[in-house]
Amino acid sequence: MAKIENSQLGDDDHLPSIEEICNTTWEPIYRFIYYKVQNREEAEDITQETYIKAMSHLQSGKVNPSKYIGFLKTVALNVLRDLWRKKKRRGTAVNIELINQMDDTAEDPAEMSAQRHLIENALSKLNKEQRTVIELRILKGYSVAETARLMNKKEVTIRVMQHRALQMLADILK
């Protein structure tokens, strides 16, 4: 990034090229995004979208070259939040035909009791923290942020714990 800073500070008429900006900032921005999404393809797409959204500001000279990475991280967070909102709004796809079939059948209390016992047994095999995450997130419907606050953990930790707990439950229930 020194090349951009020197050219920017030494000569006010010279703005860094897109190539210079990308070459000096892409790696920390990509790593930052990858840390958030934990998926290579998604991180690449979000990194690209971040640069597209930020480029006009960067080229115009509105952003100090020493602040490029901070600015790009802010833009990346906004892109991530937009994506998360879109995913949340979409919700889960539901096949209405299957719902109607379920309504037509009478629920068997014995079968429901057996299922409840099976699930309770599987939950008892999880460690205390995993059980707590499942109870707060899935059974009580708390958000990741609320669960993190209640358990005094980071949001990323809660997501990882939930993922691992659900994997373990799936293995137990097989």
C-alpha atoms as a PDB file:
ATOM      1  CA  MET A   1       0.000   0.000   0.000  1.00  0.00           C
ATOM      2  CA  ALA A   2       3.039   2.277   0.301  1.00  0.00           C
ATOM      3  CA  LYS A   3       3.047   2.760  -3.475  1.00  0.00           C
ATOM      4  CA  ILE A   4      -0.470   4.202  -3.372  1.00  0.00           C
ATOM      5  CA  GLU A   5       0.212   6.358  -0.335  1.00  0.00           C
ATOM      6  CA  ASN A   6       3.395   7.845  -1.794  1.00  0.00           C
ATOM      7  CA  SER A   7       1.845   8.574  -5.151  1.00  0.00           C
ATOM      8  CA  GLN A   8      -1.256  10.033  -3.512  1.00  0.00           C
ATOM      9  CA  LEU A   9       0.591  12.154  -0.971  1.00  0.00           C
ATOM     10  CA  GLY A  10       3.327  13.280  -3.307  1.00  0.00           C
ATOM     11  CA  ASP A  11       1.160  14.282  -6.247  1.00  0.00           C
ATOM     12  CA  ASP A  12      -2.425  15.464  -5.762  1.00  0.00           C
ATOM     13  CA  ASP A  13      -3.175  15.072  -9.485  1.00  0.00           C
ATOM     14  CA  HIS A  14      -2.406  11.342  -9.465  1.00  0.00           C
ATOM     15  CA  LEU A  15      -5.175   9.060  -8.246  1.00  0.00           C
ATOM     16  CA  PRO A  16      -4.315   5.383  -7.849  1.00  0.00           C
ATOM     17  CA  SER A  17      -5.593   3.082 -10.561  1.00  0.00           C
ATOM     18  CA  ILE A  18      -8.164   0.408  -9.897  1.00  0.00           C
ATOM     19  CA  GLU A  19      -5.440  -2.163 -10.424  1.00  0.00           C
ATOM     20  CA  GLU A  20      -3.162  -0.531  -7.834  1.00  0.00           C
ATOM     21  CA  ILE A  21      -5.970  -0.377  -5.278  1.00  0.00           C
ATOM     22  CA  CYS A  22      -7.033  -3.983  -5.824  1.00  0.00           C
ATOM     23  CA  ASN A  23      -3.493  -5.369  -5.836  1.00  0.00           C
ATOM     24  CA  THR A  24      -2.666  -3.736  -2.525  1.00  0.00           C
ATOM     25  CA  THR A  25      -5.926  -4.391  -0.653  1.00  0.00           C
ATOM     26  CA  TRP A  26      -7.572  -7.563  -1.979  1.00  0.00           C
ATOM     27  CA  GLU A  27      -5.889 -10.060   0.343  1.00  0.00           C
ATOM     28  CA  PRO A  28      -6.850  -8.497   3.700  1.00  0.00           C
ATOM     29  CA  ILE A  29     -10.352  -7.763   2.423  1.00  0.00           C
ATOM     30  CA  TYR A  30     -10.837 -11.325   1.143  1.00  0.00           C
ATOM     31  CA  ARG A  31      -9.557 -12.783   4.431  1.00  0.00           C
ATOM     32  CA  PHE A  32     -11.878 -10.503   6.415  1.00  0.00           C
ATOM     33  CA  ILE A  33     -14.883 -11.617   4.360  1.00  0.00           C
ATOM     34  CA  TYR A  34     -13.858 -15.285   4.403  1.00  0.00           C
ATOM     35  CA  TYR A  35     -13.642 -15.133   8.193  1.00  0.00           C
ATOM     36  CA  LYS A  36     -17.261 -13.941   8.254  1.00  0.00           C
ATOM     37  CA  VAL A  37     -18.782 -16.402   5.753  1.00  0.00           C
ATOM     38  CA  GLN A  38     -16.463 -19.453   5.976  1.00  0.00           C
ATOM     39  CA  ASN A  39     -17.086 -20.302   2.311  1.00  0.00           C
ATOM     40  CA  ARG A  40     -14.525 -19.685  -0.440  1.00  0.00           C
ATOM     41  CA  GLU A  41     -16.948 -19.098  -3.324  1.00  0.00           C
ATOM     42  CA  GLU A  42     -19.198 -16.815  -1.308  1.00  0.00           C
ATOM     43  CA  ALA A  43     -16.170 -14.868  -0.009  1.00  0.00           C
ATOM     44  CA  GLU A  44     -14.920 -14.370  -3.570  1.00  0.00           C
ATOM     45  CA  ASP A  45     -18.317 -13.108  -4.738  1.00  0.00           C
ATOM     46  CA  ILE A  46     -18.692 -10.745  -1.786  1.00  0.00           C
ATOM     47  CA  THR A  47     -15.133  -9.443  -2.237  1.00  0.00           C
ATOM     48  CA  GLN A  48     -15.874  -8.686  -5.866  1.00  0.00           C
ATOM     49  CA  GLU A  49     -19.153  -6.950  -4.992  1.00  0.00           C
ATOM     50  CA  THR A  50     -17.339  -4.938  -2.303  1.00  0.00           C
ATOM     51  CA  TYR A  51     -14.895  -3.550  -4.847  1.00  0.00           C
ATOM     52  CA  ILE A  52     -17.672  -2.784  -7.323  1.00  0.00           C
ATOM     53  CA  LYS A  53     -19.600  -0.801  -4.716  1.00  0.00           C
ATOM     54  CA  ALA A  54     -16.513   1.002  -3.379  1.00  0.00           C
ATOM     55  CA  MET A  55     -14.641   1.773  -6.585  1.00  0.00           C
ATOM     56  CA  SER A  56     -16.238   5.144  -7.407  1.00  0.00           C
ATOM     57  CA  HIS A  57     -15.372   6.473  -3.931  1.00  0.00           C
ATOM     58  CA  LEU A  58     -11.845   5.095  -4.066  1.00  0.00           C
ATOM     59  CA  GLN A  59     -11.105   6.509  -7.532  1.00  0.00           C
ATOM     60  CA  SER A  60     -12.548   9.921  -6.800  1.00  0.00           C
ATOM     61  CA  GLY A  61     -10.031  10.533  -4.033  1.00  0.00           C
ATOM     62  CA  LYS A  62     -12.721  10.872  -1.364  1.00  0.00           C
ATOM     63  CA  VAL A  63     -11.006   8.187   0.690  1.00  0.00           C
ATOM     64  CA  ASN A  64      -7.534   8.685   2.118  1.00  0.00           C
ATOM     65  CA  PRO A  65      -5.241   5.921   0.784  1.00  0.00           C
ATOM     66  CA  SER A  66      -4.175   5.027   4.317  1.00  0.00           C
ATOM     67  CA  LYS A  67      -7.850   4.286   5.078  1.00  0.00           C
ATOM     68  CA  TYR A  68      -8.571   2.065   2.041  1.00  0.00           C
ATOM     69  CA  ILE A  69      -8.674  -1.201   3.978  1.00  0.00           C
ATOM     70  CA  GLY A  70     -10.912   0.199   6.719  1.00  0.00           C
ATOM     71  CA  PHE A  71     -13.226   1.713   4.131  1.00  0.00           C
ATOM     72  CA  LEU A  72     -13.380  -1.534   2.145  1.00  0.00           C
ATOM     73  CA  LYS A  73     -14.088  -3.559   5.302  1.00  0.00           C
ATOM     74  CA  THR A  74     -16.987  -1.232   6.092  1.00  0.00           C
ATOM     75  CA  VAL A  75     -18.358  -1.650   2.570  1.00  0.00           C
ATOM     76  CA  ALA A  76     -17.898  -5.433   2.860  1.00  0.00           C
ATOM     77  CA  LEU A  77     -19.859  -5.510   6.128  1.00  0.00           C
ATOM     78  CA  ASN A  78     -22.675  -3.566   4.485  1.00  0.00           C
ATOM     79  CA  VAL A  79     -22.713  -6.019   1.551  1.00  0.00           C
ATOM     80  CA  LEU A  80     -22.794  -8.933   4.014  1.00  0.00           C
ATOM     81  CA  ARG A  81     -25.635  -7.393   6.010  1.00  0.00           C
ATOM     82  CA  ASP A  82     -27.628  -6.854   2.812  1.00  0.00           C
ATOM     83  CA  LEU A  83     -27.133 -10.496   1.832  1.00  0.00           C
ATOM     84  CA  TRP A  84     -28.095 -11.745   5.281  1.00  0.00           C
ATOM     85  CA  ARG A  85     -31.243  -9.611   5.227  1.00  0.00           C
ATOM     86  CA  LYS A  86     -32.209 -10.989   1.813  1.00  0.00           C
ATOM     87  CA  LYS A  87     -31.689 -14.561   3.007  1.00  0.00           C
ATOM     88  CA  LYS A  88     -33.718 -13.889   6.144  1.00  0.00           C
ATOM     89  CA  ARG A  89     -36.600 -12.365   4.151  1.00  0.00           C
ATOM     90  CA  ARG A  90     -36.736 -15.293   1.756  1.00  0.00           C
ATOM     91  CA  GLY A  91     -37.283 -17.724   4.583  1.00  0.00           C
ATOM     92  CA  THR A  92     -37.754 -21.424   4.041  1.00  0.00           C
ATOM     93  CA  ALA A  93     -39.492 -22.897   1.017  1.00  0.00           C
ATOM     94  CA  VAL A  94     -42.529 -24.923   1.992  1.00  0.00           C
ATOM     95  CA  ASN A  95     -44.416 -27.406  -0.169  1.00  0.00           C
ATOM     96  CA  ILE A  96     -48.091 -26.640   0.469  1.00  0.00           C
ATOM     97  CA  GLU A  97     -49.238 -29.983  -0.916  1.00  0.00           C
ATOM     98  CA  LEU A  98     -47.306 -31.770   1.853  1.00  0.00           C
ATOM     99  CA  ILE A  99     -48.873 -29.550   4.504  1.00  0.00           C
ATOM    100  CA  ASN A 100     -52.370 -30.413   3.305  1.00  0.00           C
ATOM    101  CA  GLN A 101     -51.528 -34.124   3.467  1.00  0.00           C
ATOM    102  CA  MET A 102     -50.301 -33.717   7.025  1.00  0.00           C
ATOM    103  CA  ASP A 103     -53.505 -31.936   8.027  1.00  0.00           C
ATOM    104  CA  ASP A 104     -55.614 -34.819   6.676  1.00  0.00           C
ATOM    105  CA  THR A 105     -53.907 -37.390   8.873  1.00  0.00           C
ATOM    106  CA  ALA A 106     -54.732 -37.601  12.541  1.00  0.00           C
ATOM    107  CA  GLU A 107     -51.714 -37.228  14.785  1.00  0.00           C
ATOM    108  CA  ASP A 108     -50.990 -40.267  16.873  1.00  0.00           C
ATOM    109  CA  PRO A 109     -50.196 -39.257  20.487  1.00  0.00           C
ATOM    110  CA  ALA A 110     -48.099 -42.397  20.984  1.00  0.00           C
ATOM    111  CA  GLU A 111     -45.994 -41.590  17.936  1.00  0.00           C
ATOM    112  CA  MET A 112     -45.549 -37.988  19.082  1.00  0.00           C
ATOM    113  CA  SER A 113     -44.478 -39.203  22.520  1.00  0.00           C
ATOM    114  CA  ALA A 114     -41.966 -41.607  20.975  1.00  0.00           C
ATOM    115  CA  GLN A 115     -40.533 -38.822  18.790  1.00  0.00           C
ATOM    116  CA  ARG A 116     -40.280 -36.477  21.759  1.00  0.00           C
ATOM    117  CA  HIS A 117     -38.474 -39.161  23.771  1.00  0.00           C
ATOM    118  CA  LEU A 118     -36.083 -39.817  20.869  1.00  0.00           C
ATOM    119  CA  ILE A 119     -35.259 -36.109  20.552  1.00  0.00           C
ATOM    120  CA  GLU A 120     -34.842 -35.626  24.305  1.00  0.00           C
ATOM    121  CA  ASN A 121     -32.522 -38.640  24.390  1.00  0.00           C
ATOM    122  CA  ALA A 122     -30.443 -37.226  21.500  1.00  0.00           C
ATOM    123  CA  LEU A 123     -30.243 -33.800  23.177  1.00  0.00           C
ATOM    124  CA  SER A 124     -29.036 -35.403  26.408  1.00  0.00           C
ATOM    125  CA  LYS A 125     -26.009 -36.773  24.526  1.00  0.00           C
ATOM    126  CA  LEU A 126     -24.828 -33.248  23.644  1.00  0.00           C
ATOM    127  CA  ASN A 127     -22.559 -31.335  25.987  1.00  0.00           C
ATOM    128  CA  LYS A 128     -24.135 -28.592  28.118  1.00  0.00           C
ATOM    129  CA  GLU A 129     -23.110 -25.665  25.870  1.00  0.00           C
ATOM    130  CA  GLN A 130     -24.325 -27.381  22.688  1.00  0.00           C
ATOM    131  CA  ARG A 131     -27.639 -28.206  24.374  1.00  0.00           C
ATOM    132  CA  THR A 132     -27.986 -24.596  25.537  1.00  0.00           C
ATOM    133  CA  VAL A 133     -27.301 -23.259  22.025  1.00  0.00           C
ATOM    134  CA  ILE A 134     -29.903 -25.607  20.511  1.00  0.00           C
ATOM    135  CA  GLU A 135     -32.462 -24.677  23.170  1.00  0.00           C
ATOM    136  CA  LEU A 136     -31.935 -20.923  22.778  1.00  0.00           C
ATOM    137  CA  ARG A 137     -31.578 -20.812  18.991  1.00  0.00           C
ATOM    138  CA  ILE A 138     -34.012 -23.477  17.810  1.00  0.00           C
ATOM    139  CA  LEU A 139     -36.471 -24.194  20.589  1.00  0.00           C
ATOM    140  CA  LYS A 140     -36.819 -20.648  21.943  1.00  0.00           C
ATOM    141  CA  GLY A 141     -36.056 -18.820  18.682  1.00  0.00           C
ATOM    142  CA  TYR A 142     -33.389 -16.403  19.912  1.00  0.00           C
ATOM    143  CA  SER A 143     -31.143 -14.710  17.335  1.00  0.00           C
ATOM    144  CA  VAL A 144     -27.422 -15.442  17.149  1.00  0.00           C
ATOM    145  CA  ALA A 145     -26.670 -12.062  18.740  1.00  0.00           C
ATOM    146  CA  GLU A 146     -29.111 -12.658  21.613  1.00  0.00           C
ATOM    147  CA  THR A 147     -27.773 -16.155  22.195  1.00  0.00           C
ATOM    148  CA  ALA A 148     -24.176 -14.872  22.160  1.00  0.00           C
ATOM    149  CA  ARG A 149     -25.064 -12.219  24.706  1.00  0.00           C
ATOM    150  CA  LEU A 150     -26.884 -14.692  26.971  1.00  0.00           C
ATOM    151  CA  MET A 151     -24.042 -17.216  26.825  1.00  0.00           C
ATOM    152  CA  ASN A 152     -21.320 -14.556  27.015  1.00  0.00           C
ATOM    153  CA  LYS A 153     -19.720 -15.767  23.760  1.00  0.00           C
ATOM    154  CA  LYS A 154     -18.950 -14.306  20.339  1.00  0.00           C
ATOM    155  CA  GLU A 155     -21.527 -14.656  17.571  1.00  0.00           C
ATOM    156  CA  VAL A 156     -19.094 -16.668  15.453  1.00  0.00           C
ATOM    157  CA  THR A 157     -18.636 -19.104  18.331  1.00  0.00           C
ATOM    158  CA  ILE A 158     -22.409 -19.521  18.645  1.00  0.00           C
ATOM    159  CA  ARG A 159     -22.749 -20.240  14.909  1.00  0.00           C
ATOM    160  CA  VAL A 160     -19.986 -22.855  15.065  1.00  0.00           C
ATOM    161  CA  MET A 161     -21.430 -24.451  18.206  1.00  0.00           C
ATOM    162  CA  GLN A 162     -24.893 -24.613  16.646  1.00  0.00           C
ATOM    163  CA  HIS A 163     -23.542 -26.134  13.437  1.00  0.00           C
ATOM    164  CA  ARG A 164     -21.580 -28.792  15.337  1.00  0.00           C
ATOM    165  CA  ALA A 165     -24.480 -29.549  17.669  1.00  0.00           C
ATOM    166  CA  LEU A 166     -26.872 -30.016  14.746  1.00  0.00           C
ATOM    167  CA  GLN A 167     -24.366 -32.284  12.995  1.00  0.00           C
ATOM    168  CA  MET A 168     -24.005 -34.338  16.147  1.00  0.00           C
ATOM    169  CA  LEU A 169     -27.792 -34.552  16.576  1.00  0.00           C
ATOM    170  CA  ALA A 170     -28.154 -35.706  12.963  1.00  0.00           C
ATOM    171  CA  ASP A 171     -25.541 -38.426  13.559  1.00  0.00           C
ATOM    172  CA  ILE A 172     -27.227 -39.518  16.792  1.00  0.00           C
ATOM    173  CA  LEU A 173     -30.693 -39.656  15.194  1.00  0.00           C
ATOM    174  CA  LYS A 174     -29.521 -41.756  12.220  1.00  0.00           C
END
